[in-house]
Amino acid sequence: MLTVDFSRFPLAPGDRVLDLGCGAGRHAFECYRRGAQVVALDQNGEEIREVAKWFAAMKEAGEAPAGATATAMEGDALALPFPDESFDVVIISEVMEHIPDDKGVLAEMVRVLKPGGRIAITVPRYGPEKVCWALSDAYHEVEGGHIRIYKADELLAKVRGAGLKPYGSHHAHALHSPYWWLKCAFGVDNDKALPVRAYHKLLVWDIMKKPLATRIAEQALNPVIGKSFVVYATKPHLPRLAETETETGLFEAAAQ
């Protein structure tokens, strides 16, 4: 289940991609399939080992085209072990709501992103997330849990403040919002509650079969109760020194 929409966030074969806070690797796997040179990074060593196994299995099965590469590694989002301007693309999905220093994470992503590069950021949407917090303290009051809820304009302001230029946004996973409301209502660790089990079966069926009816329903509901808010942005090219000096001279001449 992908949160990033690759029709709005296209990849070219050979693009160097960082999936930051990759978790189980869903976006990293898709980038690998599309021919990218992928680095999947997470602080959770157990998840990284699983991602590495899946990368190896994908290579063995021929799921990635020639030239694609994939690396899984542990790392700290606030101190990325990469030189400046290392990546064409950075993805950070459902991560920033966990990190106290979200401005620091944005600064690190901008540092390692090449000028002209693209970034995709996804976070839980304010409305559906607020319902979860209201229904259950256990949903967010856990170690490593969600520490903030972003409003769309707040996230966009932070993205712009980091020097990025947003070019698009949307909501995703409307069908998943009721599932999490049920989980919070019946207990986040209570998977035996009948409504939770029944809705989970529906979601699994939807993910596996992708029926037209649920695709249409989710598209219609995403603007209303989409679980995730997704932002796409670019890192602007800095003006060349000669151009800057010329512009400065023109401004000075105009002021005289």
C-alpha atoms as a PDB file:
ATOM      1  CA  MET A   1       0.000   0.000   0.000  1.00  0.00           C
ATOM      2  CA  LEU A   2       1.691   3.159  -1.247  1.00  0.00           C
ATOM      3  CA  THR A   3       1.015   6.607   0.165  1.00  0.00           C
ATOM      4  CA  VAL A   4       3.167   8.468  -2.348  1.00  0.00           C
ATOM      5  CA  ASP A   5       1.473   8.744  -5.745  1.00  0.00           C
ATOM      6  CA  PHE A   6       4.189   8.099  -8.316  1.00  0.00           C
ATOM      7  CA  SER A   7       2.065   9.576 -11.097  1.00  0.00           C
ATOM      8  CA  ARG A   8       2.542  12.912  -9.288  1.00  0.00           C
ATOM      9  CA  PHE A   9       6.078  12.092  -8.163  1.00  0.00           C
ATOM     10  CA  PRO A  10       7.732  10.442 -11.169  1.00  0.00           C
ATOM     11  CA  LEU A  11      11.042   8.581 -10.951  1.00  0.00           C
ATOM     12  CA  ALA A  12      13.554   8.111 -13.747  1.00  0.00           C
ATOM     13  CA  PRO A  13      15.673   4.938 -13.991  1.00  0.00           C
ATOM     14  CA  GLY A  14      18.944   5.577 -12.224  1.00  0.00           C
ATOM     15  CA  ASP A  15      17.569   8.225  -9.859  1.00  0.00           C
ATOM     16  CA  ARG A  16      19.315   8.023  -6.505  1.00  0.00           C
ATOM     17  CA  VAL A  17      16.545   7.732  -3.894  1.00  0.00           C
ATOM     18  CA  LEU A  18      16.612   7.952  -0.096  1.00  0.00           C
ATOM     19  CA  ASP A  19      13.635   6.391   1.692  1.00  0.00           C
ATOM     20  CA  LEU A  20      14.111   7.978   5.106  1.00  0.00           C
ATOM     21  CA  GLY A  21      12.466   6.126   7.973  1.00  0.00           C
ATOM     22  CA  CYS A  22      11.621   3.369   5.518  1.00  0.00           C
ATOM     23  CA  GLY A  23       9.922   1.085   8.061  1.00  0.00           C
ATOM     24  CA  ALA A  24       8.914  -2.145   6.321  1.00  0.00           C
ATOM     25  CA  GLY A  25      10.150  -0.748   3.001  1.00  0.00           C
ATOM     26  CA  ARG A  26       6.992  -0.316   0.905  1.00  0.00           C
ATOM     27  CA  HIS A  27       8.136   2.828  -0.922  1.00  0.00           C
ATOM     28  CA  ALA A  28      11.727   1.625  -1.212  1.00  0.00           C
ATOM     29  CA  PHE A  29      10.530  -1.562  -2.934  1.00  0.00           C
ATOM     30  CA  GLU A  30       8.455   0.415  -5.431  1.00  0.00           C
ATOM     31  CA  CYS A  31      11.397   2.700  -6.254  1.00  0.00           C
ATOM     32  CA  TYR A  32      13.609  -0.353  -6.753  1.00  0.00           C
ATOM     33  CA  ARG A  33      11.049  -1.841  -9.151  1.00  0.00           C
ATOM     34  CA  ARG A  34      11.112   1.425 -11.099  1.00  0.00           C
ATOM     35  CA  GLY A  35      14.857   1.204 -11.679  1.00  0.00           C
ATOM     36  CA  ALA A  36      16.133   3.599  -9.018  1.00  0.00           C
ATOM     37  CA  GLN A  37      19.301   3.374  -6.955  1.00  0.00           C
ATOM     38  CA  VAL A  38      17.644   3.088  -3.568  1.00  0.00           C
ATOM     39  CA  VAL A  39      18.923   3.589  -0.040  1.00  0.00           C
ATOM     40  CA  ALA A  40      16.401   2.548   2.614  1.00  0.00           C
ATOM     41  CA  LEU A  41      17.343   3.959   6.013  1.00  0.00           C
ATOM     42  CA  ASP A  42      15.725   3.445   9.401  1.00  0.00           C
ATOM     43  CA  GLN A  43      16.834   3.470  13.040  1.00  0.00           C
ATOM     44  CA  ASN A  44      15.088   0.125  13.642  1.00  0.00           C
ATOM     45  CA  GLY A  45      17.697  -2.563  12.984  1.00  0.00           C
ATOM     46  CA  GLU A  46      15.187  -5.403  12.927  1.00  0.00           C
ATOM     47  CA  GLU A  47      13.124  -3.751  10.194  1.00  0.00           C
ATOM     48  CA  ILE A  48      16.244  -2.912   8.191  1.00  0.00           C
ATOM     49  CA  ARG A  49      17.327  -6.553   8.235  1.00  0.00           C
ATOM     50  CA  GLU A  50      13.903  -7.559   6.891  1.00  0.00           C
ATOM     51  CA  VAL A  51      14.064  -4.898   4.180  1.00  0.00           C
ATOM     52  CA  ALA A  52      17.508  -6.160   3.156  1.00  0.00           C
ATOM     53  CA  LYS A  53      16.110  -9.703   2.844  1.00  0.00           C
ATOM     54  CA  TRP A  54      13.280  -8.466   0.617  1.00  0.00           C
ATOM     55  CA  PHE A  55      15.701  -6.514  -1.564  1.00  0.00           C
ATOM     56  CA  ALA A  56      17.720  -9.694  -2.060  1.00  0.00           C
ATOM     57  CA  ALA A  57      14.575 -11.693  -2.841  1.00  0.00           C
ATOM     58  CA  MET A  58      13.434  -9.084  -5.365  1.00  0.00           C
ATOM     59  CA  LYS A  59      16.813  -9.187  -7.113  1.00  0.00           C
ATOM     60  CA  GLU A  60      16.725 -12.993  -7.210  1.00  0.00           C
ATOM     61  CA  ALA A  61      13.210 -12.940  -8.671  1.00  0.00           C
ATOM     62  CA  GLY A  62      14.158 -10.401 -11.332  1.00  0.00           C
ATOM     63  CA  GLU A  63      11.686  -7.794 -10.073  1.00  0.00           C
ATOM     64  CA  ALA A  64      14.120  -4.907 -10.507  1.00  0.00           C
ATOM     65  CA  PRO A  65      15.426  -3.784 -13.907  1.00  0.00           C
ATOM     66  CA  ALA A  66      19.083  -3.805 -14.891  1.00  0.00           C
ATOM     67  CA  GLY A  67      20.974  -0.943 -13.297  1.00  0.00           C
ATOM     68  CA  ALA A  68      18.727  -0.687 -10.254  1.00  0.00           C
ATOM     69  CA  THR A  69      20.426  -1.023  -6.879  1.00  0.00           C
ATOM     70  CA  ALA A  70      19.119  -1.301  -3.323  1.00  0.00           C
ATOM     71  CA  THR A  71      20.792  -0.867   0.049  1.00  0.00           C
ATOM     72  CA  ALA A  72      19.229  -1.110   3.515  1.00  0.00           C
ATOM     73  CA  MET A  73      21.011   0.532   6.421  1.00  0.00           C
ATOM     74  CA  GLU A  74      20.524   1.765   9.968  1.00  0.00           C
ATOM     75  CA  GLY A  75      20.884   5.470  10.548  1.00  0.00           C
ATOM     76  CA  ASP A  76      19.817   8.616  12.372  1.00  0.00           C
ATOM     77  CA  ALA A  77      17.477  10.959  10.509  1.00  0.00           C
ATOM     78  CA  LEU A  78      19.045  13.926  12.317  1.00  0.00           C
ATOM     79  CA  ALA A  79      22.595  12.999  11.279  1.00  0.00           C
ATOM     80  CA  LEU A  80      22.383  11.355   7.862  1.00  0.00           C
ATOM     81  CA  PRO A  81      25.622   9.560   6.896  1.00  0.00           C
ATOM     82  CA  PHE A  82      25.720  11.030   3.387  1.00  0.00           C
ATOM     83  CA  PRO A  83      27.546  13.949   1.741  1.00  0.00           C
ATOM     84  CA  ASP A  84      25.691  17.080   0.680  1.00  0.00           C
ATOM     85  CA  GLU A  85      23.593  16.783  -2.497  1.00  0.00           C
ATOM     86  CA  SER A  86      23.753  12.970  -2.628  1.00  0.00           C
ATOM     87  CA  PHE A  87      20.206  12.186  -3.768  1.00  0.00           C
ATOM     88  CA  ASP A  88      17.861  13.078  -6.602  1.00  0.00           C
ATOM     89  CA  VAL A  89      14.809  12.071  -4.559  1.00  0.00           C
ATOM     90  CA  VAL A  90      13.959  11.833  -0.851  1.00  0.00           C
ATOM     91  CA  ILE A  91      10.841  10.163   0.549  1.00  0.00           C
ATOM     92  CA  ILE A  92       9.812  10.436   4.186  1.00  0.00           C
ATOM     93  CA  SER A  93       6.478   8.728   4.841  1.00  0.00           C
ATOM     94  CA  GLU A  94       4.650   8.739   8.196  1.00  0.00           C
ATOM     95  CA  VAL A  95       7.828   9.629  10.096  1.00  0.00           C
ATOM     96  CA  MET A  96       7.930  13.324  10.968  1.00  0.00           C
ATOM     97  CA  GLU A  97       5.043  13.059  13.434  1.00  0.00           C
ATOM     98  CA  HIS A  98       7.310  10.832  15.578  1.00  0.00           C
ATOM     99  CA  ILE A  99      10.362  13.129  15.752  1.00  0.00           C
ATOM    100  CA  PRO A 100      10.648  16.039  18.216  1.00  0.00           C
ATOM    101  CA  ASP A 101      13.083  17.979  16.017  1.00  0.00           C
ATOM    102  CA  ASP A 102      11.131  17.913  12.758  1.00  0.00           C
ATOM    103  CA  LYS A 103      12.879  21.079  11.541  1.00  0.00           C
ATOM    104  CA  GLY A 104      16.198  19.308  12.012  1.00  0.00           C
ATOM    105  CA  VAL A 105      14.989  16.379   9.906  1.00  0.00           C
ATOM    106  CA  LEU A 106      13.842  18.738   7.152  1.00  0.00           C
ATOM    107  CA  ALA A 107      17.232  20.472   7.221  1.00  0.00           C
ATOM    108  CA  GLU A 108      19.049  17.149   6.838  1.00  0.00           C
ATOM    109  CA  MET A 109      16.827  16.097   3.936  1.00  0.00           C
ATOM    110  CA  VAL A 110      17.439  19.411   2.181  1.00  0.00           C
ATOM    111  CA  ARG A 111      21.180  19.039   2.778  1.00  0.00           C
ATOM    112  CA  VAL A 112      21.428  15.630   1.086  1.00  0.00           C
ATOM    113  CA  LEU A 113      19.011  16.511  -1.752  1.00  0.00           C
ATOM    114  CA  LYS A 114      20.494  17.801  -5.013  1.00  0.00           C
ATOM    115  CA  PRO A 115      19.358  21.187  -6.342  1.00  0.00           C
ATOM    116  CA  GLY A 116      16.379  20.466  -8.573  1.00  0.00           C
ATOM    117  CA  GLY A 117      15.697  17.283  -6.614  1.00  0.00           C
ATOM    118  CA  ARG A 118      12.275  16.225  -5.372  1.00  0.00           C
ATOM    119  CA  ILE A 119      10.949  15.306  -1.969  1.00  0.00           C
ATOM    120  CA  ALA A 120       7.734  13.598  -0.868  1.00  0.00           C
ATOM    121  CA  ILE A 121       6.502  13.999   2.707  1.00  0.00           C
ATOM    122  CA  THR A 122       3.506  12.188   4.178  1.00  0.00           C
ATOM    123  CA  VAL A 123       2.016  12.630   7.653  1.00  0.00           C
ATOM    124  CA  PRO A 124      -1.270  11.675   9.323  1.00  0.00           C
ATOM    125  CA  ARG A 125      -3.990  14.157   8.394  1.00  0.00           C
ATOM    126  CA  TYR A 126      -5.198  16.502  11.122  1.00  0.00           C
ATOM    127  CA  GLY A 127      -8.916  15.603  11.251  1.00  0.00           C
ATOM    128  CA  PRO A 128      -8.781  11.771  11.252  1.00  0.00           C
ATOM    129  CA  GLU A 129      -5.742  11.850  13.536  1.00  0.00           C
ATOM    130  CA  LYS A 130      -7.495  14.152  16.001  1.00  0.00           C
ATOM    131  CA  VAL A 131     -10.336  11.610  16.251  1.00  0.00           C
ATOM    132  CA  CYS A 132      -7.825   8.857  17.061  1.00  0.00           C
ATOM    133  CA  TRP A 133      -6.237  10.951  19.809  1.00  0.00           C
ATOM    134  CA  ALA A 134      -9.653  11.745  21.269  1.00  0.00           C
ATOM    135  CA  LEU A 135     -10.701   8.083  21.319  1.00  0.00           C
ATOM    136  CA  SER A 136      -7.508   6.623  22.763  1.00  0.00           C
ATOM    137  CA  ASP A 137      -4.582   7.876  24.821  1.00  0.00           C
ATOM    138  CA  ALA A 138      -2.782   4.586  24.154  1.00  0.00           C
ATOM    139  CA  TYR A 139      -2.799   5.381  20.420  1.00  0.00           C
ATOM    140  CA  HIS A 140      -0.231   8.125  20.842  1.00  0.00           C
ATOM    141  CA  GLU A 141       1.084   7.965  24.428  1.00  0.00           C
ATOM    142  CA  VAL A 142       3.586   5.190  23.735  1.00  0.00           C
ATOM    143  CA  GLU A 143       7.348   5.237  23.317  1.00  0.00           C
ATOM    144  CA  GLY A 144       8.119   6.267  19.766  1.00  0.00           C
ATOM    145  CA  GLY A 145       4.477   7.199  19.138  1.00  0.00           C
ATOM    146  CA  HIS A 146       2.997  10.261  17.498  1.00  0.00           C
ATOM    147  CA  ILE A 147       3.957  13.442  19.320  1.00  0.00           C
ATOM    148  CA  ARG A 148       2.181  16.010  17.131  1.00  0.00           C
ATOM    149  CA  ILE A 149      -0.667  16.411  14.661  1.00  0.00           C
ATOM    150  CA  TYR A 150       0.086  18.553  11.635  1.00  0.00           C
ATOM    151  CA  LYS A 151      -2.345  20.949  10.088  1.00  0.00           C
ATOM    152  CA  ALA A 152      -1.792  21.223   6.349  1.00  0.00           C
ATOM    153  CA  ASP A 153      -0.775  24.885   6.422  1.00  0.00           C
ATOM    154  CA  GLU A 154       1.646  24.217   9.305  1.00  0.00           C
ATOM    155  CA  LEU A 155       3.460  21.468   7.411  1.00  0.00           C
ATOM    156  CA  LEU A 156       3.574  23.523   4.212  1.00  0.00           C
ATOM    157  CA  ALA A 157       5.026  26.475   6.143  1.00  0.00           C
ATOM    158  CA  LYS A 158       7.772  24.256   7.576  1.00  0.00           C
ATOM    159  CA  VAL A 159       8.519  22.844   4.127  1.00  0.00           C
ATOM    160  CA  ARG A 160       8.867  26.353   2.701  1.00  0.00           C
ATOM    161  CA  GLY A 161      10.873  27.455   5.725  1.00  0.00           C
ATOM    162  CA  ALA A 162      13.376  24.674   5.004  1.00  0.00           C
ATOM    163  CA  GLY A 163      13.986  26.165   1.553  1.00  0.00           C
ATOM    164  CA  LEU A 164      11.799  23.787  -0.437  1.00  0.00           C
ATOM    165  CA  LYS A 165       9.167  24.743  -3.001  1.00  0.00           C
ATOM    166  CA  PRO A 166       5.910  22.742  -2.704  1.00  0.00           C
ATOM    167  CA  TYR A 167       4.294  21.894  -6.023  1.00  0.00           C
ATOM    168  CA  GLY A 168       1.430  19.599  -5.064  1.00  0.00           C
ATOM    169  CA  SER A 169      -0.480  17.883  -2.278  1.00  0.00           C
ATOM    170  CA  HIS A 170      -3.333  15.438  -1.758  1.00  0.00           C
ATOM    171  CA  HIS A 171      -4.919  13.091   0.782  1.00  0.00           C
ATOM    172  CA  ALA A 172      -4.741   9.302   0.779  1.00  0.00           C
ATOM    173  CA  HIS A 173      -6.131   6.155   2.423  1.00  0.00           C
ATOM    174  CA  ALA A 174      -9.645   7.284   3.319  1.00  0.00           C
ATOM    175  CA  LEU A 175     -10.739   3.667   3.829  1.00  0.00           C
ATOM    176  CA  HIS A 176      -8.137   3.294   6.565  1.00  0.00           C
ATOM    177  CA  SER A 177      -9.448   6.094   8.769  1.00  0.00           C
ATOM    178  CA  PRO A 178     -12.512   4.144  10.027  1.00  0.00           C
ATOM    179  CA  TYR A 179     -10.274   1.157  10.765  1.00  0.00           C
ATOM    180  CA  TRP A 180      -8.095   3.220  13.092  1.00  0.00           C
ATOM    181  CA  TRP A 181     -11.139   4.821  14.705  1.00  0.00           C
ATOM    182  CA  LEU A 182     -12.427   1.321  15.473  1.00  0.00           C
ATOM    183  CA  LYS A 183      -9.003   0.291  16.788  1.00  0.00           C
ATOM    184  CA  CYS A 184      -8.919   3.298  19.095  1.00  0.00           C
ATOM    185  CA  ALA A 185     -12.514   2.769  20.254  1.00  0.00           C
ATOM    186  CA  PHE A 186     -12.082  -0.925  21.080  1.00  0.00           C
ATOM    187  CA  GLY A 187      -8.447  -0.745  22.224  1.00  0.00           C
ATOM    188  CA  VAL A 188      -5.391  -0.310  20.018  1.00  0.00           C
ATOM    189  CA  ASP A 189      -4.046  -3.715  21.097  1.00  0.00           C
ATOM    190  CA  ASN A 190      -7.407  -5.474  20.865  1.00  0.00           C
ATOM    191  CA  ASP A 191      -7.415  -7.153  17.468  1.00  0.00           C
ATOM    192  CA  LYS A 192     -10.102  -9.652  18.517  1.00  0.00           C
ATOM    193  CA  ALA A 193     -12.998  -7.191  18.593  1.00  0.00           C
ATOM    194  CA  LEU A 194     -15.447  -8.247  15.879  1.00  0.00           C
ATOM    195  CA  PRO A 195     -15.782  -4.815  14.190  1.00  0.00           C
ATOM    196  CA  VAL A 196     -11.988  -4.482  14.051  1.00  0.00           C
ATOM    197  CA  ARG A 197     -11.506  -7.989  12.616  1.00  0.00           C
ATOM    198  CA  ALA A 198     -14.265  -7.513  10.056  1.00  0.00           C
ATOM    199  CA  TYR A 199     -12.947  -4.168   8.845  1.00  0.00           C
ATOM    200  CA  HIS A 200      -9.399  -5.518   8.689  1.00  0.00           C
ATOM    201  CA  LYS A 201     -10.582  -8.300   6.394  1.00  0.00           C
ATOM    202  CA  LEU A 202     -12.189  -5.676   4.162  1.00  0.00           C
ATOM    203  CA  LEU A 203      -8.925  -3.723   3.957  1.00  0.00           C
ATOM    204  CA  VAL A 204      -6.874  -6.820   3.150  1.00  0.00           C
ATOM    205  CA  TRP A 205      -9.374  -7.786   0.445  1.00  0.00           C
ATOM    206  CA  ASP A 206      -9.218  -4.262  -0.972  1.00  0.00           C
ATOM    207  CA  ILE A 207      -5.394  -4.190  -1.009  1.00  0.00           C
ATOM    208  CA  MET A 208      -5.127  -7.607  -2.634  1.00  0.00           C
ATOM    209  CA  LYS A 209      -7.973  -7.373  -5.171  1.00  0.00           C
ATOM    210  CA  LYS A 210      -8.148  -3.621  -5.846  1.00  0.00           C
ATOM    211  CA  PRO A 211     -11.817  -3.740  -6.878  1.00  0.00           C
ATOM    212  CA  LEU A 212     -13.123  -0.803  -8.895  1.00  0.00           C
ATOM    213  CA  ALA A 213     -15.899  -0.036  -6.390  1.00  0.00           C
ATOM    214  CA  THR A 214     -13.569   0.560  -3.455  1.00  0.00           C
ATOM    215  CA  ARG A 215     -11.074   2.471  -5.641  1.00  0.00           C
ATOM    216  CA  ILE A 216     -13.855   4.865  -6.654  1.00  0.00           C
ATOM    217  CA  ALA A 217     -15.128   5.115  -3.076  1.00  0.00           C
ATOM    218  CA  GLU A 218     -11.689   5.908  -1.707  1.00  0.00           C
ATOM    219  CA  GLN A 219     -11.016   8.544  -4.348  1.00  0.00           C
ATOM    220  CA  ALA A 220     -14.308  10.209  -3.458  1.00  0.00           C
ATOM    221  CA  LEU A 221     -13.639  10.041   0.284  1.00  0.00           C
ATOM    222  CA  ASN A 222      -9.965  11.009   0.288  1.00  0.00           C
ATOM    223  CA  PRO A 223     -10.648  14.773   0.326  1.00  0.00           C
ATOM    224  CA  VAL A 224     -12.983  14.276   3.291  1.00  0.00           C
ATOM    225  CA  ILE A 225     -11.418  11.627   5.565  1.00  0.00           C
ATOM    226  CA  GLY A 226      -8.133  10.667   3.894  1.00  0.00           C
ATOM    227  CA  LYS A 227      -5.851   9.263   6.614  1.00  0.00           C
ATOM    228  CA  SER A 228      -2.640  10.772   5.209  1.00  0.00           C
ATOM    229  CA  PHE A 229      -1.664  14.214   3.940  1.00  0.00           C
ATOM    230  CA  VAL A 230       0.984  14.125   1.191  1.00  0.00           C
ATOM    231  CA  VAL A 231       3.166  17.032   0.076  1.00  0.00           C
ATOM    232  CA  TYR A 232       5.497  17.126  -2.943  1.00  0.00           C
ATOM    233  CA  ALA A 233       8.253  19.731  -3.188  1.00  0.00           C
ATOM    234  CA  THR A 234      11.453  20.564  -5.034  1.00  0.00           C
ATOM    235  CA  LYS A 235      14.763  22.009  -3.928  1.00  0.00           C
ATOM    236  CA  PRO A 236      15.324  25.137  -6.037  1.00  0.00           C
ATOM    237  CA  HIS A 237      18.544  25.686  -7.946  1.00  0.00           C
ATOM    238  CA  LEU A 238      20.588  28.488  -6.441  1.00  0.00           C
ATOM    239  CA  PRO A 239      21.246  31.328  -8.894  1.00  0.00           C
ATOM    240  CA  ARG A 240      24.719  31.281 -10.368  1.00  0.00           C
ATOM    241  CA  LEU A 241      27.148  33.873  -8.950  1.00  0.00           C
ATOM    242  CA  ALA A 242      27.497  35.758 -12.241  1.00  0.00           C
ATOM    243  CA  GLU A 243      23.699  36.036 -12.554  1.00  0.00           C
ATOM    244  CA  THR A 244      23.413  37.233  -8.958  1.00  0.00           C
ATOM    245  CA  GLU A 245      26.106  39.885  -9.492  1.00  0.00           C
ATOM    246  CA  THR A 246      24.404  41.080 -12.703  1.00  0.00           C
ATOM    247  CA  GLU A 247      21.034  41.321 -10.982  1.00  0.00           C
ATOM    248  CA  THR A 248      22.630  43.180  -8.066  1.00  0.00           C
ATOM    249  CA  GLY A 249      24.222  45.653 -10.474  1.00  0.00           C
ATOM    250  CA  LEU A 250      20.916  46.247 -12.215  1.00  0.00           C
ATOM    251  CA  PHE A 251      19.149  46.864  -8.899  1.00  0.00           C
ATOM    252  CA  GLU A 252      21.896  49.297  -7.844  1.00  0.00           C
ATOM    253  CA  ALA A 253      21.733  51.134 -11.180  1.00  0.00           C
ATOM    254  CA  ALA A 254      17.958  51.407 -10.928  1.00  0.00           C
ATOM    255  CA  ALA A 255      18.236  52.824  -7.442  1.00  0.00           C
ATOM    256  CA  GLN A 256      20.586  55.629  -8.543  1.00  0.00           C
END
